[in-house]
């Protein structure tokens, strides 16, 4: 199951600014470039979506993303000490490796 930290939930809620929106998380790709994560705000889930709730935040996941996000933790960092802040995904299933596909990986 997907996990979302309290910091990430708080940040998404502040971005929603009181509007009744849900967070759509889409995970795509699993080739040598790893998994790509996309975030978006939506008013309602689709009929095929799984709806999860974290601290009052509704999260919409399509069936493929639900599988790819199993065991993943989404967090938020504010970028202290000059580092760039933002959302991050910790996916223990992704193993760094060398690639010989001749394309930019990662």
PDB file of N, CA and C in Angstrom:
ATOM      1  N   UNK A   1       0.837  -1.189   0.000  1.00  0.00           N
ATOM      2  CA  UNK A   1       0.000   0.000   0.000  1.00  0.00           C
ATOM      3  C   UNK A   1       0.880   1.250   0.000  1.00  0.00           C
ATOM      4  N   UNK A   2       0.413   2.265  -0.629  1.00  0.00           N
ATOM      5  CA  UNK A   2       1.079   3.567  -0.650  1.00  0.00           C
ATOM      6  C   UNK A   2       1.038   4.197   0.737  1.00  0.00           C
ATOM      7  N   UNK A   3       2.114   4.871   1.109  1.00  0.00           N
ATOM      8  CA  UNK A   3       2.158   5.650   2.349  1.00  0.00           C
ATOM      9  C   UNK A   3       2.439   7.102   1.991  1.00  0.00           C
ATOM     10  N   UNK A   4       1.794   8.027   2.685  1.00  0.00           N
ATOM     11  CA  UNK A   4       2.046   9.456   2.490  1.00  0.00           C
ATOM     12  C   UNK A   4       2.304  10.064   3.858  1.00  0.00           C
ATOM     13  N   UNK A   5       3.426  10.760   3.992  1.00  0.00           N
ATOM     14  CA  UNK A   5       3.777  11.345   5.283  1.00  0.00           C
ATOM     15  C   UNK A   5       2.851  12.509   5.623  1.00  0.00           C
ATOM     16  N   UNK A   6       2.818  12.826   6.894  1.00  0.00           N
ATOM     17  CA  UNK A   6       1.998  13.947   7.363  1.00  0.00           C
ATOM     18  C   UNK A   6       2.446  15.260   6.718  1.00  0.00           C
ATOM     19  N   UNK A   7       3.767  15.424   6.526  1.00  0.00           N
ATOM     20  CA  UNK A   7       4.274  16.649   5.868  1.00  0.00           C
ATOM     21  C   UNK A   7       3.724  16.781   4.458  1.00  0.00           C
ATOM     22  N   UNK A   8       3.717  15.671   3.719  1.00  0.00           N
ATOM     23  CA  UNK A   8       3.215  15.711   2.341  1.00  0.00           C
ATOM     24  C   UNK A   8       1.715  16.003   2.314  1.00  0.00           C
ATOM     25  N   UNK A   9       0.959  15.388   3.222  1.00  0.00           N
ATOM     26  CA  UNK A   9      -0.482  15.635   3.302  1.00  0.00           C
ATOM     27  C   UNK A   9      -0.746  17.106   3.593  1.00  0.00           C
ATOM     28  N   UNK A  10      -0.018  17.661   4.556  1.00  0.00           N
ATOM     29  CA  UNK A  10      -0.188  19.067   4.928  1.00  0.00           C
ATOM     30  C   UNK A  10       0.096  19.988   3.746  1.00  0.00           C
ATOM     31  N   UNK A  11       1.152  19.705   2.986  1.00  0.00           N
ATOM     32  CA  UNK A  11       1.502  20.550   1.839  1.00  0.00           C
ATOM     33  C   UNK A  11       0.439  20.463   0.749  1.00  0.00           C
ATOM     34  N   UNK A  12      -0.039  19.268   0.436  1.00  0.00           N
ATOM     35  CA  UNK A  12      -1.073  19.135  -0.596  1.00  0.00           C
ATOM     36  C   UNK A  12      -2.334  19.880  -0.172  1.00  0.00           C
ATOM     37  N   UNK A  13      -2.719  19.752   1.096  1.00  0.00           N
ATOM     38  CA  UNK A  13      -3.904  20.468   1.582  1.00  0.00           C
ATOM     39  C   UNK A  13      -3.722  21.978   1.469  1.00  0.00           C
ATOM     40  N   UNK A  14      -2.520  22.478   1.718  1.00  0.00           N
ATOM     41  CA  UNK A  14      -2.296  23.924   1.600  1.00  0.00           C
ATOM     42  C   UNK A  14      -2.363  24.368   0.141  1.00  0.00           C
ATOM     43  N   UNK A  15      -1.925  23.524  -0.767  1.00  0.00           N
ATOM     44  CA  UNK A  15      -2.007  23.831  -2.197  1.00  0.00           C
ATOM     45  C   UNK A  15      -3.475  23.861  -2.637  1.00  0.00           C
ATOM     46  N   UNK A  16      -4.286  22.964  -2.088  1.00  0.00           N
ATOM     47  CA  UNK A  16      -5.724  22.919  -2.420  1.00  0.00           C
ATOM     48  C   UNK A  16      -6.459  24.152  -1.919  1.00  0.00           C
ATOM     49  N   UNK A  17      -5.901  24.831  -0.933  1.00  0.00           N
ATOM     50  CA  UNK A  17      -6.449  26.087  -0.417  1.00  0.00           C
ATOM     51  C   UNK A  17      -7.937  25.994  -0.070  1.00  0.00           C
ATOM     52  N   UNK A  18      -8.302  24.920   0.623  1.00  0.00           N
ATOM     53  CA  UNK A  18      -9.680  24.779   1.078  1.00  0.00           C
ATOM     54  C   UNK A  18     -10.650  24.203   0.068  1.00  0.00           C
ATOM     55  N   UNK A  19     -10.221  24.045  -1.181  1.00  0.00           N
ATOM     56  CA  UNK A  19     -11.108  23.463  -2.195  1.00  0.00           C
ATOM     57  C   UNK A  19     -11.218  21.962  -1.970  1.00  0.00           C
ATOM     58  N   UNK A  20     -12.349  21.399  -2.300  1.00  0.00           N
ATOM     59  CA  UNK A  20     -12.571  19.959  -2.137  1.00  0.00           C
ATOM     60  C   UNK A  20     -11.974  19.218  -3.325  1.00  0.00           C
ATOM     61  N   UNK A  21     -10.669  19.089  -3.314  1.00  0.00           N
ATOM     62  CA  UNK A  21      -9.966  18.413  -4.393  1.00  0.00           C
ATOM     63  C   UNK A  21      -9.269  17.175  -3.854  1.00  0.00           C
ATOM     64  N   UNK A  22      -9.074  16.203  -4.727  1.00  0.00           N
ATOM     65  CA  UNK A  22      -8.307  15.021  -4.381  1.00  0.00           C
ATOM     66  C   UNK A  22      -6.992  15.042  -5.137  1.00  0.00           C
ATOM     67  N   UNK A  23      -6.038  14.269  -4.652  1.00  0.00           N
ATOM     68  CA  UNK A  23      -4.723  14.177  -5.274  1.00  0.00           C
ATOM     69  C   UNK A  23      -4.665  12.931  -6.136  1.00  0.00           C
ATOM     70  N   UNK A  24      -4.377  13.111  -7.419  1.00  0.00           N
ATOM     71  CA  UNK A  24      -4.146  11.970  -8.299  1.00  0.00           C
ATOM     72  C   UNK A  24      -2.641  11.752  -8.381  1.00  0.00           C
ATOM     73  N   UNK A  25      -2.225  10.523  -8.107  1.00  0.00           N
ATOM     74  CA  UNK A  25      -0.823  10.138  -8.268  1.00  0.00           C
ATOM     75  C   UNK A  25      -0.782   9.077  -9.351  1.00  0.00           C
ATOM     76  N   UNK A  26       0.030   9.322 -10.368  1.00  0.00           N
ATOM     77  CA  UNK A  26       0.187   8.373 -11.457  1.00  0.00           C
ATOM     78  C   UNK A  26       1.634   7.916 -11.495  1.00  0.00           C
ATOM     79  N   UNK A  27       1.826   6.619 -11.553  1.00  0.00           N
ATOM     80  CA  UNK A  27       3.162   6.038 -11.680  1.00  0.00           C
ATOM     81  C   UNK A  27       3.228   5.365 -13.042  1.00  0.00           C
ATOM     82  N   UNK A  28       4.271   5.662 -13.794  1.00  0.00           N
ATOM     83  CA  UNK A  28       4.398   5.066 -15.119  1.00  0.00           C
ATOM     84  C   UNK A  28       5.843   4.700 -15.396  1.00  0.00           C
ATOM     85  N   UNK A  29       6.015   3.713 -16.243  1.00  0.00           N
ATOM     86  CA  UNK A  29       7.343   3.268 -16.627  1.00  0.00           C
ATOM     87  C   UNK A  29       7.991   2.448 -15.535  1.00  0.00           C
ATOM     88  N   UNK A  30       8.770   1.501 -15.932  1.00  0.00           N
ATOM     89  CA  UNK A  30       9.577   0.748 -14.991  1.00  0.00           C
ATOM     90  C   UNK A  30      10.774   0.186 -15.718  1.00  0.00           C
ATOM     91  N   UNK A  31      11.161   0.829 -16.774  1.00  0.00           N
ATOM     92  CA  UNK A  31      12.307   0.370 -17.524  1.00  0.00           C
ATOM     93  C   UNK A  31      13.594   0.836 -16.875  1.00  0.00           C
ATOM     94  N   UNK A  32      14.616   0.971 -17.662  1.00  0.00           N
ATOM     95  CA  UNK A  32      15.925   1.342 -17.126  1.00  0.00           C
ATOM     96  C   UNK A  32      15.930   2.760 -16.577  1.00  0.00           C
ATOM     97  N   UNK A  33      14.961   3.576 -16.963  1.00  0.00           N
ATOM     98  CA  UNK A  33      14.890   4.946 -16.457  1.00  0.00           C
ATOM     99  C   UNK A  33      14.178   5.062 -15.127  1.00  0.00           C
ATOM    100  N   UNK A  34      13.663   3.963 -14.610  1.00  0.00           N
ATOM    101  CA  UNK A  34      12.972   3.988 -13.326  1.00  0.00           C
ATOM    102  C   UNK A  34      11.508   4.351 -13.490  1.00  0.00           C
ATOM    103  N   UNK A  35      10.881   4.647 -12.374  1.00  0.00           N
ATOM    104  CA  UNK A  35       9.458   4.970 -12.351  1.00  0.00           C
ATOM    105  C   UNK A  35       9.288   6.482 -12.380  1.00  0.00           C
ATOM    106  N   UNK A  36       8.354   6.965 -13.172  1.00  0.00           N
ATOM    107  CA  UNK A  36       8.011   8.388 -13.204  1.00  0.00           C
ATOM    108  C   UNK A  36       6.729   8.589 -12.410  1.00  0.00           C
ATOM    109  N   UNK A  37       6.732   9.622 -11.570  1.00  0.00           N
ATOM    110  CA  UNK A  37       5.573   9.927 -10.744  1.00  0.00           C
ATOM    111  C   UNK A  37       5.009  11.273 -11.169  1.00  0.00           C
ATOM    112  N   UNK A  38       3.694  11.334 -11.329  1.00  0.00           N
ATOM    113  CA  UNK A  38       3.026  12.590 -11.672  1.00  0.00           C
ATOM    114  C   UNK A  38       1.951  12.867 -10.633  1.00  0.00           C
ATOM    115  N   UNK A  39       1.833  14.138 -10.248  1.00  0.00           N
ATOM    116  CA  UNK A  39       0.832  14.570  -9.276  1.00  0.00           C
ATOM    117  C   UNK A  39      -0.127  15.542  -9.939  1.00  0.00           C
ATOM    118  N   UNK A  40      -1.384  15.456  -9.587  1.00  0.00           N
ATOM    119  CA  UNK A  40      -2.377  16.391 -10.100  1.00  0.00           C
ATOM    120  C   UNK A  40      -3.537  16.497  -9.128  1.00  0.00           C
ATOM    121  N   UNK A  41      -4.249  17.597  -9.191  1.00  0.00           N
ATOM    122  CA  UNK A  41      -5.424  17.798  -8.342  1.00  0.00           C
ATOM    123  C   UNK A  41      -6.672  17.618  -9.189  1.00  0.00           C
ATOM    124  N   UNK A  42      -7.630  16.855  -8.671  1.00  0.00           N
ATOM    125  CA  UNK A  42      -8.865  16.585  -9.398  1.00  0.00           C
ATOM    126  C   UNK A  42     -10.053  16.655  -8.459  1.00  0.00           C
ATOM    127  N   UNK A  43     -11.206  16.946  -9.021  1.00  0.00           N
ATOM    128  CA  UNK A  43     -12.426  17.063  -8.220  1.00  0.00           C
ATOM    129  C   UNK A  43     -12.995  15.715  -7.810  1.00  0.00           C
ATOM    130  N   UNK A  44     -12.828  14.699  -8.652  1.00  0.00           N
ATOM    131  CA  UNK A  44     -13.439  13.401  -8.362  1.00  0.00           C
ATOM    132  C   UNK A  44     -12.633  12.279  -9.009  1.00  0.00           C
ATOM    133  N   UNK A  45     -12.743  11.076  -8.457  1.00  0.00           N
ATOM    134  CA  UNK A  45     -12.068   9.928  -9.060  1.00  0.00           C
ATOM    135  C   UNK A  45     -12.841   9.424 -10.277  1.00  0.00           C
ATOM    136  N   UNK A  46     -12.186   8.604 -11.089  1.00  0.00           N
ATOM    137  CA  UNK A  46     -12.880   7.916 -12.173  1.00  0.00           C
ATOM    138  C   UNK A  46     -13.489   6.638 -11.603  1.00  0.00           C
ATOM    139  N   UNK A  47     -14.320   5.986 -12.380  1.00  0.00           N
ATOM    140  CA  UNK A  47     -14.974   4.753 -11.927  1.00  0.00           C
ATOM    141  C   UNK A  47     -13.963   3.642 -11.634  1.00  0.00           C
ATOM    142  N   UNK A  48     -12.827   3.657 -12.322  1.00  0.00           N
ATOM    143  CA  UNK A  48     -11.822   2.602 -12.149  1.00  0.00           C
ATOM    144  C   UNK A  48     -10.837   2.877 -11.012  1.00  0.00           C
ATOM    145  N   UNK A  49     -10.857   4.075 -10.457  1.00  0.00           N
ATOM    146  CA  UNK A  49      -9.868   4.455  -9.439  1.00  0.00           C
ATOM    147  C   UNK A  49     -10.086   3.778  -8.097  1.00  0.00           C
ATOM    148  N   UNK A  50      -8.989   3.537  -7.420  1.00  0.00           N
ATOM    149  CA  UNK A  50      -8.999   3.184  -6.001  1.00  0.00           C
ATOM    150  C   UNK A  50      -8.844   4.507  -5.259  1.00  0.00           C
ATOM    151  N   UNK A  51      -9.652   4.733  -4.235  1.00  0.00           N
ATOM    152  CA  UNK A  51      -9.579   5.976  -3.469  1.00  0.00           C
ATOM    153  C   UNK A  51      -9.050   5.654  -2.077  1.00  0.00           C
ATOM    154  N   UNK A  52      -7.916   6.261  -1.733  1.00  0.00           N
ATOM    155  CA  UNK A  52      -7.317   6.120  -0.411  1.00  0.00           C
ATOM    156  C   UNK A  52      -7.475   7.446   0.313  1.00  0.00           C
ATOM    157  N   UNK A  53      -7.368   7.429   1.631  1.00  0.00           N
ATOM    158  CA  UNK A  53      -7.466   8.672   2.384  1.00  0.00           C
ATOM    159  C   UNK A  53      -6.355   8.731   3.422  1.00  0.00           C
ATOM    160  N   UNK A  54      -5.691   9.874   3.467  1.00  0.00           N
ATOM    161  CA  UNK A  54      -4.604  10.125   4.408  1.00  0.00           C
ATOM    162  C   UNK A  54      -4.878  11.450   5.092  1.00  0.00           C
ATOM    163  N   UNK A  55      -5.192  11.430   6.366  1.00  0.00           N
ATOM    164  CA  UNK A  55      -5.415  12.663   7.116  1.00  0.00           C
ATOM    165  C   UNK A  55      -6.457  13.576   6.503  1.00  0.00           C
ATOM    166  N   UNK A  56      -7.499  13.003   5.928  1.00  0.00           N
ATOM    167  CA  UNK A  56      -8.550  13.800   5.300  1.00  0.00           C
ATOM    168  C   UNK A  56      -8.287  14.140   3.845  1.00  0.00           C
ATOM    169  N   UNK A  57      -7.128  13.767   3.316  1.00  0.00           N
ATOM    170  CA  UNK A  57      -6.799  13.998   1.905  1.00  0.00           C
ATOM    171  C   UNK A  57      -7.156  12.753   1.111  1.00  0.00           C
ATOM    172  N   UNK A  58      -8.017  12.913   0.104  1.00  0.00           N
ATOM    173  CA  UNK A  58      -8.363  11.790  -0.764  1.00  0.00           C
ATOM    174  C   UNK A  58      -7.318  11.675  -1.865  1.00  0.00           C
ATOM    175  N   UNK A  59      -6.905  10.441  -2.116  1.00  0.00           N
ATOM    176  CA  UNK A  59      -5.892  10.159  -3.130  1.00  0.00           C
ATOM    177  C   UNK A  59      -6.499   9.196  -4.136  1.00  0.00           C
ATOM    178  N   UNK A  60      -6.414   9.555  -5.425  1.00  0.00           N
ATOM    179  CA  UNK A  60      -6.984   8.759  -6.502  1.00  0.00           C
ATOM    180  C   UNK A  60      -5.863   8.030  -7.236  1.00  0.00           C
ATOM    181  N   UNK A  61      -6.010   6.693  -7.353  1.00  0.00           N
ATOM    182  CA  UNK A  61      -5.006   5.883  -8.041  1.00  0.00           C
ATOM    183  C   UNK A  61      -5.676   5.008  -9.086  1.00  0.00           C
ATOM    184  N   UNK A  62      -5.163   5.043 -10.317  1.00  0.00           N
ATOM    185  CA  UNK A  62      -5.661   4.131 -11.333  1.00  0.00           C
ATOM    186  C   UNK A  62      -5.110   2.732 -11.014  1.00  0.00           C
ATOM    187  N   UNK A  63      -5.680   1.665 -11.581  1.00  0.00           N
ATOM    188  CA  UNK A  63      -5.262   0.307 -11.227  1.00  0.00           C
ATOM    189  C   UNK A  63      -3.769   0.025 -11.428  1.00  0.00           C
ATOM    190  N   UNK A  64      -3.173   0.524 -12.496  1.00  0.00           N
ATOM    191  CA  UNK A  64      -1.750   0.297 -12.737  1.00  0.00           C
ATOM    192  C   UNK A  64      -0.898   1.020 -11.711  1.00  0.00           C
ATOM    193  N   UNK A  65      -1.230   2.268 -11.420  1.00  0.00           N
ATOM    194  CA  UNK A  65      -0.471   3.039 -10.433  1.00  0.00           C
ATOM    195  C   UNK A  65      -0.608   2.434  -9.044  1.00  0.00           C
ATOM    196  N   UNK A  66      -1.778   1.898  -8.735  1.00  0.00           N
ATOM    197  CA  UNK A  66      -1.996   1.262  -7.435  1.00  0.00           C
ATOM    198  C   UNK A  66      -0.975   0.150  -7.213  1.00  0.00           C
ATOM    199  N   UNK A  67      -0.730  -0.645  -8.233  1.00  0.00           N
ATOM    200  CA  UNK A  67       0.248  -1.735  -8.137  1.00  0.00           C
ATOM    201  C   UNK A  67       1.662  -1.169  -8.031  1.00  0.00           C
ATOM    202  N   UNK A  68       2.010  -0.214  -8.897  1.00  0.00           N
ATOM    203  CA  UNK A  68       3.369   0.331  -8.905  1.00  0.00           C
ATOM    204  C   UNK A  68       3.693   1.123  -7.645  1.00  0.00           C
ATOM    205  N   UNK A  69       2.686   1.661  -6.966  1.00  0.00           N
ATOM    206  CA  UNK A  69       2.924   2.470  -5.768  1.00  0.00           C
ATOM    207  C   UNK A  69       2.877   1.659  -4.476  1.00  0.00           C
ATOM    208  N   UNK A  70       2.671   0.362  -4.583  1.00  0.00           N
ATOM    209  CA  UNK A  70       2.647  -0.482  -3.393  1.00  0.00           C
ATOM    210  C   UNK A  70       4.013  -0.451  -2.706  1.00  0.00           C
ATOM    211  N   UNK A  71       4.035  -0.085  -1.431  1.00  0.00           N
ATOM    212  CA  UNK A  71       5.278  -0.014  -0.667  1.00  0.00           C
ATOM    213  C   UNK A  71       6.024   1.297  -0.788  1.00  0.00           C
ATOM    214  N   UNK A  72       5.529   2.216  -1.607  1.00  0.00           N
ATOM    215  CA  UNK A  72       6.177   3.511  -1.838  1.00  0.00           C
ATOM    216  C   UNK A  72       5.726   4.508  -0.766  1.00  0.00           C
ATOM    217  N   UNK A  73       6.652   5.372  -0.336  1.00  0.00           N
ATOM    218  CA  UNK A  73       6.319   6.450   0.596  1.00  0.00           C
ATOM    219  C   UNK A  73       6.534   7.788  -0.095  1.00  0.00           C
ATOM    220  N   UNK A  74       5.495   8.621  -0.085  1.00  0.00           N
ATOM    221  CA  UNK A  74       5.583   9.982  -0.621  1.00  0.00           C
ATOM    222  C   UNK A  74       5.831  10.928   0.546  1.00  0.00           C
ATOM    223  N   UNK A  75       6.801  11.831   0.386  1.00  0.00           N
ATOM    224  CA  UNK A  75       7.149  12.782   1.437  1.00  0.00           C
ATOM    225  C   UNK A  75       7.276  14.170   0.822  1.00  0.00           C
ATOM    226  N   UNK A  76       7.427  15.171   1.680  1.00  0.00           N
ATOM    227  CA  UNK A  76       7.667  16.535   1.234  1.00  0.00           C
ATOM    228  C   UNK A  76       8.810  17.111   2.047  1.00  0.00           C
ATOM    229  N   UNK A  77       9.711  17.807   1.361  1.00  0.00           N
ATOM    230  CA  UNK A  77      10.819  18.498   2.014  1.00  0.00           C
ATOM    231  C   UNK A  77      10.736  19.962   1.633  1.00  0.00           C
ATOM    232  N   UNK A  78      10.960  20.852   2.619  1.00  0.00           N
ATOM    233  CA  UNK A  78      10.848  22.287   2.338  1.00  0.00           C
ATOM    234  C   UNK A  78      12.118  22.898   1.774  1.00  0.00           C
ATOM    235  N   UNK A  79      13.146  22.124   1.571  1.00  0.00           N
ATOM    236  CA  UNK A  79      14.359  22.638   0.948  1.00  0.00           C
ATOM    237  C   UNK A  79      15.234  23.443   1.883  1.00  0.00           C
ATOM    238  N   UNK A  80      15.398  22.999   3.097  1.00  0.00           N
ATOM    239  CA  UNK A  80      16.245  23.696   4.069  1.00  0.00           C
ATOM    240  C   UNK A  80      17.693  23.734   3.591  1.00  0.00           C
ATOM    241  N   UNK A  81      18.439  24.696   4.067  1.00  0.00           N
ATOM    242  CA  UNK A  81      19.867  24.855   3.757  1.00  0.00           C
ATOM    243  C   UNK A  81      20.142  25.025   2.267  1.00  0.00           C
ATOM    244  N   UNK A  82      19.238  25.690   1.562  1.00  0.00           N
ATOM    245  CA  UNK A  82      19.465  25.999   0.158  1.00  0.00           C
ATOM    246  C   UNK A  82      19.126  24.886  -0.808  1.00  0.00           C
ATOM    247  N   UNK A  83      18.755  23.720  -0.292  1.00  0.00           N
ATOM    248  CA  UNK A  83      18.386  22.623  -1.181  1.00  0.00           C
ATOM    249  C   UNK A  83      16.993  22.884  -1.751  1.00  0.00           C
ATOM    250  N   UNK A  84      16.760  22.356  -2.929  1.00  0.00           N
ATOM    251  CA  UNK A  84      15.451  22.525  -3.558  1.00  0.00           C
ATOM    252  C   UNK A  84      14.425  21.640  -2.854  1.00  0.00           C
ATOM    253  N   UNK A  85      13.300  22.203  -2.485  1.00  0.00           N
ATOM    254  CA  UNK A  85      12.242  21.452  -1.818  1.00  0.00           C
ATOM    255  C   UNK A  85      11.302  20.819  -2.816  1.00  0.00           C
ATOM    256  N   UNK A  86      10.435  19.980  -2.316  1.00  0.00           N
ATOM    257  CA  UNK A  86       9.433  19.374  -3.169  1.00  0.00           C
ATOM    258  C   UNK A  86       9.029  18.005  -2.674  1.00  0.00           C
ATOM    259  N   UNK A  87       8.184  17.366  -3.454  1.00  0.00           N
ATOM    260  CA  UNK A  87       7.712  16.032  -3.118  1.00  0.00           C
ATOM    261  C   UNK A  87       8.734  15.006  -3.583  1.00  0.00           C
ATOM    262  N   UNK A  88       8.847  13.936  -2.822  1.00  0.00           N
ATOM    263  CA  UNK A  88       9.765  12.858  -3.188  1.00  0.00           C
ATOM    264  C   UNK A  88       9.069  11.522  -2.964  1.00  0.00           C
ATOM    265  N   UNK A  89       9.558  10.516  -3.652  1.00  0.00           N
ATOM    266  CA  UNK A  89       9.005   9.172  -3.545  1.00  0.00           C
ATOM    267  C   UNK A  89      10.125   8.209  -3.204  1.00  0.00           C
ATOM    268  N   UNK A  90       9.949   7.472  -2.119  1.00  0.00           N
ATOM    269  CA  UNK A  90      10.907   6.448  -1.720  1.00  0.00           C
ATOM    270  C   UNK A  90      10.314   5.105  -2.119  1.00  0.00           C
ATOM    271  N   UNK A  91      10.940   4.493  -3.112  1.00  0.00           N
ATOM    272  CA  UNK A  91      10.446   3.227  -3.636  1.00  0.00           C
ATOM    273  C   UNK A  91      11.495   2.151  -3.389  1.00  0.00           C
ATOM    274  N   UNK A  92      11.290   1.298  -2.380  1.00  0.00           N
ATOM    275  CA  UNK A  92      12.287   0.276  -2.063  1.00  0.00           C
ATOM    276  C   UNK A  92      12.422  -0.794  -3.138  1.00  0.00           C
ATOM    277  N   UNK A  93      11.491  -0.853  -4.085  1.00  0.00           N
ATOM    278  CA  UNK A  93      11.553  -1.860  -5.142  1.00  0.00           C
ATOM    279  C   UNK A  93      12.471  -1.450  -6.290  1.00  0.00           C
ATOM    280  N   UNK A  94      12.807  -0.163  -6.376  1.00  0.00           N
ATOM    281  CA  UNK A  94      13.662   0.310  -7.459  1.00  0.00           C
ATOM    282  C   UNK A  94      15.113   0.102  -7.053  1.00  0.00           C
ATOM    283  N   UNK A  95      15.823  -0.676  -7.841  1.00  0.00           N
ATOM    284  CA  UNK A  95      17.220  -0.977  -7.554  1.00  0.00           C
ATOM    285  C   UNK A  95      18.086  -0.256  -8.578  1.00  0.00           C
ATOM    286  N   UNK A  96      19.018   0.611  -8.117  1.00  0.00           N
ATOM    287  CA  UNK A  96      19.907   1.287  -9.065  1.00  0.00           C
ATOM    288  C   UNK A  96      20.765   0.259  -9.803  1.00  0.00           C
ATOM    289  N   UNK A  97      20.955   0.481 -11.071  1.00  0.00           N
ATOM    290  CA  UNK A  97      21.770  -0.455 -11.846  1.00  0.00           C
ATOM    291  C   UNK A  97      22.406   0.261 -13.029  1.00  0.00           C
ATOM    292  N   UNK A  98      23.390  -0.375 -13.588  1.00  0.00           N
ATOM    293  CA  UNK A  98      24.030   0.163 -14.792  1.00  0.00           C
ATOM    294  C   UNK A  98      23.183  -0.247 -15.992  1.00  0.00           C
ATOM    295  N   UNK A  99      23.200   0.569 -17.004  1.00  0.00           N
ATOM    296  CA  UNK A  99      22.370   0.318 -18.170  1.00  0.00           C
ATOM    297  C   UNK A  99      23.214   0.462 -19.429  1.00  0.00           C
ATOM    298  N   UNK A 100      22.942  -0.373 -20.399  1.00  0.00           N
ATOM    299  CA  UNK A 100      23.683  -0.290 -21.653  1.00  0.00           C
ATOM    300  C   UNK A 100      22.748  -0.032 -22.832  1.00  0.00           C
ATOM    301  N   UNK A 101      21.627   0.639 -22.572  1.00  0.00           N
ATOM    302  CA  UNK A 101      20.649   0.857 -23.639  1.00  0.00           C
ATOM    303  C   UNK A 101      21.011   2.045 -24.527  1.00  0.00           C
ATOM    304  N   UNK A 102      22.046   2.765 -24.210  1.00  0.00           N
ATOM    305  CA  UNK A 102      22.549   3.935 -24.939  1.00  0.00           C
ATOM    306  C   UNK A 102      21.627   5.143 -24.855  1.00  0.00           C
ATOM    307  N   UNK A 103      20.632   5.097 -23.987  1.00  0.00           N
ATOM    308  CA  UNK A 103      19.771   6.245 -23.748  1.00  0.00           C
ATOM    309  C   UNK A 103      20.051   6.773 -22.359  1.00  0.00           C
ATOM    310  N   UNK A 104      19.707   8.031 -22.150  1.00  0.00           N
ATOM    311  CA  UNK A 104      19.884   8.611 -20.822  1.00  0.00           C
ATOM    312  C   UNK A 104      18.932   7.920 -19.855  1.00  0.00           C
ATOM    313  N   UNK A 105      19.467   7.393 -18.780  1.00  0.00           N
ATOM    314  CA  UNK A 105      18.657   6.672 -17.797  1.00  0.00           C
ATOM    315  C   UNK A 105      18.594   7.460 -16.512  1.00  0.00           C
ATOM    316  N   UNK A 106      17.430   7.426 -15.882  1.00  0.00           N
ATOM    317  CA  UNK A 106      17.269   8.062 -14.569  1.00  0.00           C
ATOM    318  C   UNK A 106      16.900   9.425 -14.673  1.00  0.00           C
TER     319      UNK A 106
END
